[in-house]
Amino acid sequence: MVAAKKMKKSLELVNSRLQRVMKCGKFVAGDKQMTMVRQGPVKLVVLASTHPALRKCKTGHHTTLARAAAHHYRDNGAELAAVCGKY
């Protein structure tokens, strides 16, 4: 029970931080994401749980080369888009 509450609270924290970035910062979603990772100025890459394994591996590799952080979002892409305000 306690672990479920901690997980829910951490997910809410991630969601609120993502919403803040959407309002105040610069973000790129979709296919342009890899282009931005290769070009340079990336701080964080967020991947949904339904992201294909091969692409997730490639994105993780390029993110590591760019010295950026990668966060694996717990929910699917539709939930991630809803948090980001896309839908």
PDB file of N, CA and C in Angstrom:
ATOM      1  N   MET A   1       0.824  -1.191   0.000  1.00  0.00           N
ATOM      2  CA  MET A   1       0.000   0.000   0.000  1.00  0.00           C
ATOM      3  C   MET A   1       0.869   1.256   0.000  1.00  0.00           C
ATOM      4  N   VAL A   2       1.908   1.239   0.835  1.00  0.00           N
ATOM      5  CA  VAL A   2       2.780   2.402   0.924  1.00  0.00           C
ATOM      6  C   VAL A   2       3.548   2.591  -0.386  1.00  0.00           C
ATOM      7  N   ALA A   3       3.982   1.490  -0.990  1.00  0.00           N
ATOM      8  CA  ALA A   3       4.721   1.576  -2.248  1.00  0.00           C
ATOM      9  C   ALA A   3       3.842   2.135  -3.362  1.00  0.00           C
ATOM     10  N   ALA A   4       2.572   1.781  -3.361  1.00  0.00           N
ATOM     11  CA  ALA A   4       1.649   2.300  -4.377  1.00  0.00           C
ATOM     12  C   ALA A   4       1.467   3.801  -4.221  1.00  0.00           C
ATOM     13  N   LYS A   5       1.401   4.284  -2.987  1.00  0.00           N
ATOM     14  CA  LYS A   5       1.246   5.717  -2.745  1.00  0.00           C
ATOM     15  C   LYS A   5       2.493   6.474  -3.194  1.00  0.00           C
ATOM     16  N   LYS A   6       3.671   5.896  -2.917  1.00  0.00           N
ATOM     17  CA  LYS A   6       4.921   6.546  -3.326  1.00  0.00           C
ATOM     18  C   LYS A   6       5.031   6.600  -4.844  1.00  0.00           C
ATOM     19  N   MET A   7       4.629   5.516  -5.524  1.00  0.00           N
ATOM     20  CA  MET A   7       4.700   5.482  -6.981  1.00  0.00           C
ATOM     21  C   MET A   7       3.735   6.508  -7.588  1.00  0.00           C
ATOM     22  N   LYS A   8       2.537   6.607  -7.016  1.00  0.00           N
ATOM     23  CA  LYS A   8       1.555   7.568  -7.511  1.00  0.00           C
ATOM     24  C   LYS A   8       2.054   8.992  -7.303  1.00  0.00           C
ATOM     25  N   LYS A   9       2.659   9.241  -6.158  1.00  0.00           N
ATOM     26  CA  LYS A   9       3.166  10.578  -5.869  1.00  0.00           C
ATOM     27  C   LYS A   9       4.325  10.931  -6.796  1.00  0.00           C
ATOM     28  N   SER A  10       5.199   9.982  -7.077  1.00  0.00           N
ATOM     29  CA  SER A  10       6.320  10.248  -7.976  1.00  0.00           C
ATOM     30  C   SER A  10       5.838  10.489  -9.400  1.00  0.00           C
ATOM     31  N   LEU A  11       4.795   9.749  -9.824  1.00  0.00           N
ATOM     32  CA  LEU A  11       4.217   9.961 -11.151  1.00  0.00           C
ATOM     33  C   LEU A  11       3.574  11.338 -11.245  1.00  0.00           C
ATOM     34  N   GLU A  12       2.896  11.774 -10.180  1.00  0.00           N
ATOM     35  CA  GLU A  12       2.303  13.110 -10.158  1.00  0.00           C
ATOM     36  C   GLU A  12       3.387  14.176 -10.207  1.00  0.00           C
ATOM     37  N   LEU A  13       4.513  13.932  -9.556  1.00  0.00           N
ATOM     38  CA  LEU A  13       5.620  14.880  -9.577  1.00  0.00           C
ATOM     39  C   LEU A  13       6.199  15.002 -10.985  1.00  0.00           C
ATOM     40  N   VAL A  14       6.388  13.874 -11.649  1.00  0.00           N
ATOM     41  CA  VAL A  14       6.894  13.883 -13.018  1.00  0.00           C
ATOM     42  C   VAL A  14       5.908  14.596 -13.935  1.00  0.00           C
ATOM     43  N   ASN A  15       4.620  14.311 -13.772  1.00  0.00           N
ATOM     44  CA  ASN A  15       3.597  14.953 -14.601  1.00  0.00           C
ATOM     45  C   ASN A  15       3.589  16.465 -14.405  1.00  0.00           C
ATOM     46  N   SER A  16       3.687  16.923 -13.161  1.00  0.00           N
ATOM     47  CA  SER A  16       3.670  18.370 -12.917  1.00  0.00           C
ATOM     48  C   SER A  16       4.921  19.042 -13.488  1.00  0.00           C
ATOM     49  N   ARG A  17       6.052  18.364 -13.408  1.00  0.00           N
ATOM     50  CA  ARG A  17       7.274  18.936 -13.987  1.00  0.00           C
ATOM     51  C   ARG A  17       7.204  18.982 -15.507  1.00  0.00           C
ATOM     52  N   LEU A  18       6.628  17.949 -16.116  1.00  0.00           N
ATOM     53  CA  LEU A  18       6.462  17.954 -17.572  1.00  0.00           C
ATOM     54  C   LEU A  18       5.531  19.082 -18.007  1.00  0.00           C
ATOM     55  N   GLN A  19       4.461  19.299 -17.265  1.00  0.00           N
ATOM     56  CA  GLN A  19       3.539  20.381 -17.602  1.00  0.00           C
ATOM     57  C   GLN A  19       4.215  21.735 -17.481  1.00  0.00           C
ATOM     58  N   ARG A  20       5.093  21.886 -16.501  1.00  0.00           N
ATOM     59  CA  ARG A  20       5.817  23.140 -16.336  1.00  0.00           C
ATOM     60  C   ARG A  20       6.763  23.382 -17.512  1.00  0.00           C
ATOM     61  N   VAL A  21       7.417  22.340 -17.980  1.00  0.00           N
ATOM     62  CA  VAL A  21       8.312  22.472 -19.136  1.00  0.00           C
ATOM     63  C   VAL A  21       7.516  22.847 -20.371  1.00  0.00           C
ATOM     64  N   MET A  22       6.341  22.269 -20.529  1.00  0.00           N
ATOM     65  CA  MET A  22       5.512  22.574 -21.697  1.00  0.00           C
ATOM     66  C   MET A  22       5.115  24.051 -21.718  1.00  0.00           C
ATOM     67  N   LYS A  23       4.896  24.635 -20.539  1.00  0.00           N
ATOM     68  CA  LYS A  23       4.493  26.036 -20.476  1.00  0.00           C
ATOM     69  C   LYS A  23       5.682  26.982 -20.620  1.00  0.00           C
ATOM     70  N   CYS A  24       6.783  26.660 -19.963  1.00  0.00           N
ATOM     71  CA  CYS A  24       7.887  27.615 -19.848  1.00  0.00           C
ATOM     72  C   CYS A  24       9.070  27.323 -20.765  1.00  0.00           C
ATOM     73  N   GLY A  25       9.288  26.083 -21.107  1.00  0.00           N
ATOM     74  CA  GLY A  25      10.498  25.722 -21.829  1.00  0.00           C
ATOM     75  C   GLY A  25      10.267  25.377 -23.269  1.00  0.00           C
ATOM     76  N   LYS A  26      11.320  24.900 -23.886  1.00  0.00           N
ATOM     77  CA  LYS A  26      11.267  24.484 -25.285  1.00  0.00           C
ATOM     78  C   LYS A  26      11.260  22.959 -25.317  1.00  0.00           C
ATOM     79  N   PHE A  27      10.380  22.400 -26.141  1.00  0.00           N
ATOM     80  CA  PHE A  27      10.321  20.957 -26.245  1.00  0.00           C
ATOM     81  C   PHE A  27      10.023  20.547 -27.678  1.00  0.00           C
ATOM     82  N   VAL A  28      10.440  19.339 -27.997  1.00  0.00           N
ATOM     83  CA  VAL A  28      10.201  18.765 -29.315  1.00  0.00           C
ATOM     84  C   VAL A  28       9.629  17.377 -29.086  1.00  0.00           C
ATOM     85  N   ALA A  29       8.590  17.028 -29.840  1.00  0.00           N
ATOM     86  CA  ALA A  29       7.973  15.718 -29.694  1.00  0.00           C
ATOM     87  C   ALA A  29       7.929  15.018 -31.047  1.00  0.00           C
ATOM     88  N   GLY A  30       8.001  13.709 -31.001  1.00  0.00           N
ATOM     89  CA  GLY A  30       7.847  12.923 -32.221  1.00  0.00           C
ATOM     90  C   GLY A  30       9.161  12.663 -32.941  1.00  0.00           C
ATOM     91  N   ASP A  31       9.084  12.675 -34.270  1.00  0.00           N
ATOM     92  CA  ASP A  31      10.243  12.313 -35.085  1.00  0.00           C
ATOM     93  C   ASP A  31      11.376  13.327 -34.997  1.00  0.00           C
ATOM     94  N   LYS A  32      11.081  14.570 -34.681  1.00  0.00           N
ATOM     95  CA  LYS A  32      12.115  15.597 -34.579  1.00  0.00           C
ATOM     96  C   LYS A  32      12.995  15.404 -33.346  1.00  0.00           C
ATOM     97  N   GLN A  33      12.555  14.539 -32.455  1.00  0.00           N
ATOM     98  CA  GLN A  33      13.288  14.293 -31.222  1.00  0.00           C
ATOM     99  C   GLN A  33      14.696  13.773 -31.490  1.00  0.00           C
ATOM    100  N   MET A  34      14.820  12.785 -32.362  1.00  0.00           N
ATOM    101  CA  MET A  34      16.143  12.221 -32.652  1.00  0.00           C
ATOM    102  C   MET A  34      17.038  13.229 -33.350  1.00  0.00           C
ATOM    103  N   THR A  35      16.468  14.063 -34.198  1.00  0.00           N
ATOM    104  CA  THR A  35      17.257  15.096 -34.869  1.00  0.00           C
ATOM    105  C   THR A  35      17.840  16.056 -33.843  1.00  0.00           C
ATOM    106  N   MET A  36      17.035  16.450 -32.884  1.00  0.00           N
ATOM    107  CA  MET A  36      17.513  17.366 -31.850  1.00  0.00           C
ATOM    108  C   MET A  36      18.568  16.704 -30.965  1.00  0.00           C
ATOM    109  N   VAL A  37      18.411  15.426 -30.691  1.00  0.00           N
ATOM    110  CA  VAL A  37      19.403  14.723 -29.870  1.00  0.00           C
ATOM    111  C   VAL A  37      20.737  14.678 -30.600  1.00  0.00           C
ATOM    112  N   ARG A  38      20.701  14.432 -31.897  1.00  0.00           N
ATOM    113  CA  ARG A  38      21.946  14.376 -32.677  1.00  0.00           C
ATOM    114  C   ARG A  38      22.598  15.748 -32.794  1.00  0.00           C
ATOM    115  N   GLN A  39      21.787  16.807 -32.885  1.00  0.00           N
ATOM    116  CA  GLN A  39      22.339  18.143 -33.079  1.00  0.00           C
ATOM    117  C   GLN A  39      22.926  18.734 -31.802  1.00  0.00           C
ATOM    118  N   GLY A  40      22.408  18.347 -30.658  1.00  0.00           N
ATOM    119  CA  GLY A  40      23.094  18.815 -29.473  1.00  0.00           C
ATOM    120  C   GLY A  40      22.293  19.282 -28.286  1.00  0.00           C
ATOM    121  N   PRO A  41      21.701  20.440 -28.293  1.00  0.00           N
ATOM    122  CA  PRO A  41      21.259  21.053 -27.032  1.00  0.00           C
ATOM    123  C   PRO A  41      20.018  20.389 -26.422  1.00  0.00           C
ATOM    124  N   VAL A  42      20.176  19.177 -25.930  1.00  0.00           N
ATOM    125  CA  VAL A  42      19.074  18.448 -25.312  1.00  0.00           C
ATOM    126  C   VAL A  42      19.437  18.155 -23.867  1.00  0.00           C
ATOM    127  N   LYS A  43      18.492  18.366 -22.963  1.00  0.00           N
ATOM    128  CA  LYS A  43      18.732  18.080 -21.556  1.00  0.00           C
ATOM    129  C   LYS A  43      18.046  16.803 -21.100  1.00  0.00           C
ATOM    130  N   LEU A  44      16.863  16.526 -21.662  1.00  0.00           N
ATOM    131  CA  LEU A  44      16.088  15.377 -21.212  1.00  0.00           C
ATOM    132  C   LEU A  44      15.303  14.791 -22.374  1.00  0.00           C
ATOM    133  N   VAL A  45      15.252  13.476 -22.434  1.00  0.00           N
ATOM    134  CA  VAL A  45      14.442  12.754 -23.414  1.00  0.00           C
ATOM    135  C   VAL A  45      13.477  11.881 -22.629  1.00  0.00           C
ATOM    136  N   VAL A  46      12.180  12.001 -22.924  1.00  0.00           N
ATOM    137  CA  VAL A  46      11.157  11.217 -22.244  1.00  0.00           C
ATOM    138  C   VAL A  46      10.610  10.196 -23.230  1.00  0.00           C
ATOM    139  N   LEU A  47      10.679   8.922 -22.860  1.00  0.00           N
ATOM    140  CA  LEU A  47      10.213   7.830 -23.715  1.00  0.00           C
ATOM    141  C   LEU A  47       9.019   7.139 -23.072  1.00  0.00           C
ATOM    142  N   ALA A  48       7.982   6.898 -23.845  1.00  0.00           N
ATOM    143  CA  ALA A  48       6.800   6.204 -23.345  1.00  0.00           C
ATOM    144  C   ALA A  48       7.085   4.711 -23.219  1.00  0.00           C
ATOM    145  N   SER A  49       6.251   4.037 -22.456  1.00  0.00           N
ATOM    146  CA  SER A  49       6.463   2.597 -22.242  1.00  0.00           C
ATOM    147  C   SER A  49       6.201   1.786 -23.510  1.00  0.00           C
ATOM    148  N   THR A  50       5.419   2.326 -24.440  1.00  0.00           N
ATOM    149  CA  THR A  50       5.098   1.598 -25.663  1.00  0.00           C
ATOM    150  C   THR A  50       6.072   1.903 -26.797  1.00  0.00           C
ATOM    151  N   HIS A  51       7.130   2.630 -26.500  1.00  0.00           N
ATOM    152  CA  HIS A  51       8.144   2.936 -27.508  1.00  0.00           C
ATOM    153  C   HIS A  51       8.805   1.630 -27.939  1.00  0.00           C
ATOM    154  N   PRO A  52       8.981   1.395 -29.233  1.00  0.00           N
ATOM    155  CA  PRO A  52       9.586   0.137 -29.686  1.00  0.00           C
ATOM    156  C   PRO A  52      10.983  -0.079 -29.101  1.00  0.00           C
ATOM    157  N   ALA A  53      11.298  -1.314 -28.803  1.00  0.00           N
ATOM    158  CA  ALA A  53      12.538  -1.650 -28.102  1.00  0.00           C
ATOM    159  C   ALA A  53      13.783  -1.224 -28.880  1.00  0.00           C
ATOM    160  N   LEU A  54      13.807  -1.460 -30.178  1.00  0.00           N
ATOM    161  CA  LEU A  54      14.975  -1.098 -30.973  1.00  0.00           C
ATOM    162  C   LEU A  54      15.166   0.414 -30.997  1.00  0.00           C
ATOM    163  N   ARG A  55      14.081   1.150 -31.177  1.00  0.00           N
ATOM    164  CA  ARG A  55      14.172   2.613 -31.166  1.00  0.00           C
ATOM    165  C   ARG A  55      14.567   3.132 -29.793  1.00  0.00           C
ATOM    166  N   LYS A  56      14.062   2.470 -28.747  1.00  0.00           N
ATOM    167  CA  LYS A  56      14.401   2.878 -27.388  1.00  0.00           C
ATOM    168  C   LYS A  56      15.893   2.711 -27.147  1.00  0.00           C
ATOM    169  N   CYS A  57      16.458   1.633 -27.656  1.00  0.00           N
ATOM    170  CA  CYS A  57      17.892   1.373 -27.532  1.00  0.00           C
ATOM    171  C   CYS A  57      18.705   2.420 -28.286  1.00  0.00           C
ATOM    172  N   LYS A  58      18.299   2.716 -29.521  1.00  0.00           N
ATOM    173  CA  LYS A  58      19.004   3.721 -30.315  1.00  0.00           C
ATOM    174  C   LYS A  58      18.903   5.105 -29.681  1.00  0.00           C
ATOM    175  N   THR A  59      17.713   5.442 -29.212  1.00  0.00           N
ATOM    176  CA  THR A  59      17.526   6.744 -28.581  1.00  0.00           C
ATOM    177  C   THR A  59      18.359   6.847 -27.315  1.00  0.00           C
ATOM    178  N   GLY A  60      18.396   5.768 -26.533  1.00  0.00           N
ATOM    179  CA  GLY A  60      19.217   5.758 -25.323  1.00  0.00           C
ATOM    180  C   GLY A  60      20.691   5.934 -25.642  1.00  0.00           C
ATOM    181  N   HIS A  61      21.149   5.300 -26.712  1.00  0.00           N
ATOM    182  CA  HIS A  61      22.551   5.418 -27.110  1.00  0.00           C
ATOM    183  C   HIS A  61      22.877   6.857 -27.519  1.00  0.00           C
ATOM    184  N   HIS A  62      22.044   7.443 -28.364  1.00  0.00           N
ATOM    185  CA  HIS A  62      22.291   8.821 -28.801  1.00  0.00           C
ATOM    186  C   HIS A  62      22.152   9.812 -27.647  1.00  0.00           C
ATOM    187  N   THR A  63      21.251   9.521 -26.725  1.00  0.00           N
ATOM    188  CA  THR A  63      21.090  10.388 -25.556  1.00  0.00           C
ATOM    189  C   THR A  63      22.339  10.342 -24.693  1.00  0.00           C
ATOM    190  N   THR A  64      22.909   9.175 -24.532  1.00  0.00           N
ATOM    191  CA  THR A  64      24.140   9.042 -23.757  1.00  0.00           C
ATOM    192  C   THR A  64      25.289   9.790 -24.424  1.00  0.00           C
ATOM    193  N   LEU A  65      25.382   9.689 -25.745  1.00  0.00           N
ATOM    194  CA  LEU A  65      26.435  10.412 -26.463  1.00  0.00           C
ATOM    195  C   LEU A  65      26.272  11.922 -26.345  1.00  0.00           C
ATOM    196  N   ALA A  66      25.037  12.386 -26.269  1.00  0.00           N
ATOM    197  CA  ALA A  66      24.767  13.821 -26.144  1.00  0.00           C
ATOM    198  C   ALA A  66      24.873  14.294 -24.697  1.00  0.00           C
ATOM    199  N   ARG A  67      25.170  13.377 -23.788  1.00  0.00           N
ATOM    200  CA  ARG A  67      25.275  13.679 -22.355  1.00  0.00           C
ATOM    201  C   ARG A  67      23.983  14.276 -21.812  1.00  0.00           C
ATOM    202  N   ALA A  68      22.879  13.683 -22.191  1.00  0.00           N
ATOM    203  CA  ALA A  68      21.561  14.101 -21.717  1.00  0.00           C
ATOM    204  C   ALA A  68      20.953  12.971 -20.892  1.00  0.00           C
ATOM    205  N   ALA A  69      19.892  13.277 -20.200  1.00  0.00           N
ATOM    206  CA  ALA A  69      19.198  12.288 -19.380  1.00  0.00           C
ATOM    207  C   ALA A  69      18.049  11.675 -20.170  1.00  0.00           C
ATOM    208  N   ALA A  70      17.747  10.423 -19.873  1.00  0.00           N
ATOM    209  CA  ALA A  70      16.613   9.736 -20.495  1.00  0.00           C
ATOM    210  C   ALA A  70      15.681   9.263 -19.387  1.00  0.00           C
ATOM    211  N   HIS A  71      14.402   9.575 -19.533  1.00  0.00           N
ATOM    212  CA  HIS A  71      13.401   9.153 -18.562  1.00  0.00           C
ATOM    213  C   HIS A  71      12.414   8.232 -19.260  1.00  0.00           C
ATOM    214  N   HIS A  72      12.202   7.063 -18.693  1.00  0.00           N
ATOM    215  CA  HIS A  72      11.255   6.105 -19.251  1.00  0.00           C
ATOM    216  C   HIS A  72       9.923   6.306 -18.537  1.00  0.00           C
ATOM    217  N   TYR A  73       8.977   6.923 -19.253  1.00  0.00           N
ATOM    218  CA  TYR A  73       7.665   7.221 -18.694  1.00  0.00           C
ATOM    219  C   TYR A  73       6.889   5.926 -18.511  1.00  0.00           C
ATOM    220  N   ARG A  74       6.175   5.810 -17.414  1.00  0.00           N
ATOM    221  CA  ARG A  74       5.516   4.565 -17.057  1.00  0.00           C
ATOM    222  C   ARG A  74       4.304   4.237 -17.918  1.00  0.00           C
ATOM    223  N   ASP A  75       3.598   5.240 -18.389  1.00  0.00           N
ATOM    224  CA  ASP A  75       2.377   5.024 -19.163  1.00  0.00           C
ATOM    225  C   ASP A  75       2.662   5.029 -20.659  1.00  0.00           C
ATOM    226  N   ASN A  76       1.605   4.845 -21.444  1.00  0.00           N
ATOM    227  CA  ASN A  76       1.767   4.789 -22.894  1.00  0.00           C
ATOM    228  C   ASN A  76       1.872   6.186 -23.504  1.00  0.00           C
ATOM    229  N   GLY A  77       2.023   6.240 -24.800  1.00  0.00           N
ATOM    230  CA  GLY A  77       2.221   7.499 -25.497  1.00  0.00           C
ATOM    231  C   GLY A  77       1.037   8.437 -25.426  1.00  0.00           C
ATOM    232  N   ALA A  78      -0.183   7.884 -25.409  1.00  0.00           N
ATOM    233  CA  ALA A  78      -1.378   8.722 -25.322  1.00  0.00           C
ATOM    234  C   ALA A  78      -1.449   9.440 -23.974  1.00  0.00           C
ATOM    235  N   GLU A  79      -1.091   8.740 -22.908  1.00  0.00           N
ATOM    236  CA  GLU A  79      -1.079   9.363 -21.585  1.00  0.00           C
ATOM    237  C   GLU A  79       0.010  10.435 -21.499  1.00  0.00           C
ATOM    238  N   LEU A  80       1.153  10.159 -22.076  1.00  0.00           N
ATOM    239  CA  LEU A  80       2.241  11.130 -22.100  1.00  0.00           C
ATOM    240  C   LEU A  80       1.839  12.367 -22.887  1.00  0.00           C
ATOM    241  N   ALA A  81       1.163  12.178 -24.001  1.00  0.00           N
ATOM    242  CA  ALA A  81       0.693  13.309 -24.804  1.00  0.00           C
ATOM    243  C   ALA A  81      -0.352  14.121 -24.047  1.00  0.00           C
ATOM    244  N   ALA A  82      -1.204  13.452 -23.292  1.00  0.00           N
ATOM    245  CA  ALA A  82      -2.218  14.161 -22.508  1.00  0.00           C
ATOM    246  C   ALA A  82      -1.564  15.021 -21.434  1.00  0.00           C
ATOM    247  N   VAL A  83      -0.528  14.501 -20.804  1.00  0.00           N
ATOM    248  CA  VAL A  83       0.191  15.273 -19.787  1.00  0.00           C
ATOM    249  C   VAL A  83       0.873  16.479 -20.427  1.00  0.00           C
ATOM    250  N   CYS A  84       1.405  16.279 -21.613  1.00  0.00           N
ATOM    251  CA  CYS A  84       2.102  17.360 -22.305  1.00  0.00           C
ATOM    252  C   CYS A  84       1.145  18.372 -22.926  1.00  0.00           C
ATOM    253  N   GLY A  85      -0.141  18.071 -22.949  1.00  0.00           N
ATOM    254  CA  GLY A  85      -1.115  19.005 -23.491  1.00  0.00           C
ATOM    255  C   GLY A  85      -1.323  18.873 -24.983  1.00  0.00           C
ATOM    256  N   LYS A  86      -0.957  17.746 -25.553  1.00  0.00           N
ATOM    257  CA  LYS A  86      -1.125  17.541 -26.989  1.00  0.00           C
ATOM    258  C   LYS A  86      -2.563  17.209 -27.343  1.00  0.00           C
ATOM    259  N   TYR A  87      -3.311  16.558 -26.445  1.00  0.00           N
ATOM    260  CA  TYR A  87      -4.704  16.187 -26.717  1.00  0.00           C
ATOM    261  C   TYR A  87      -5.625  16.886 -25.751  1.00  0.00           C
TER     262      TYR A  87
END
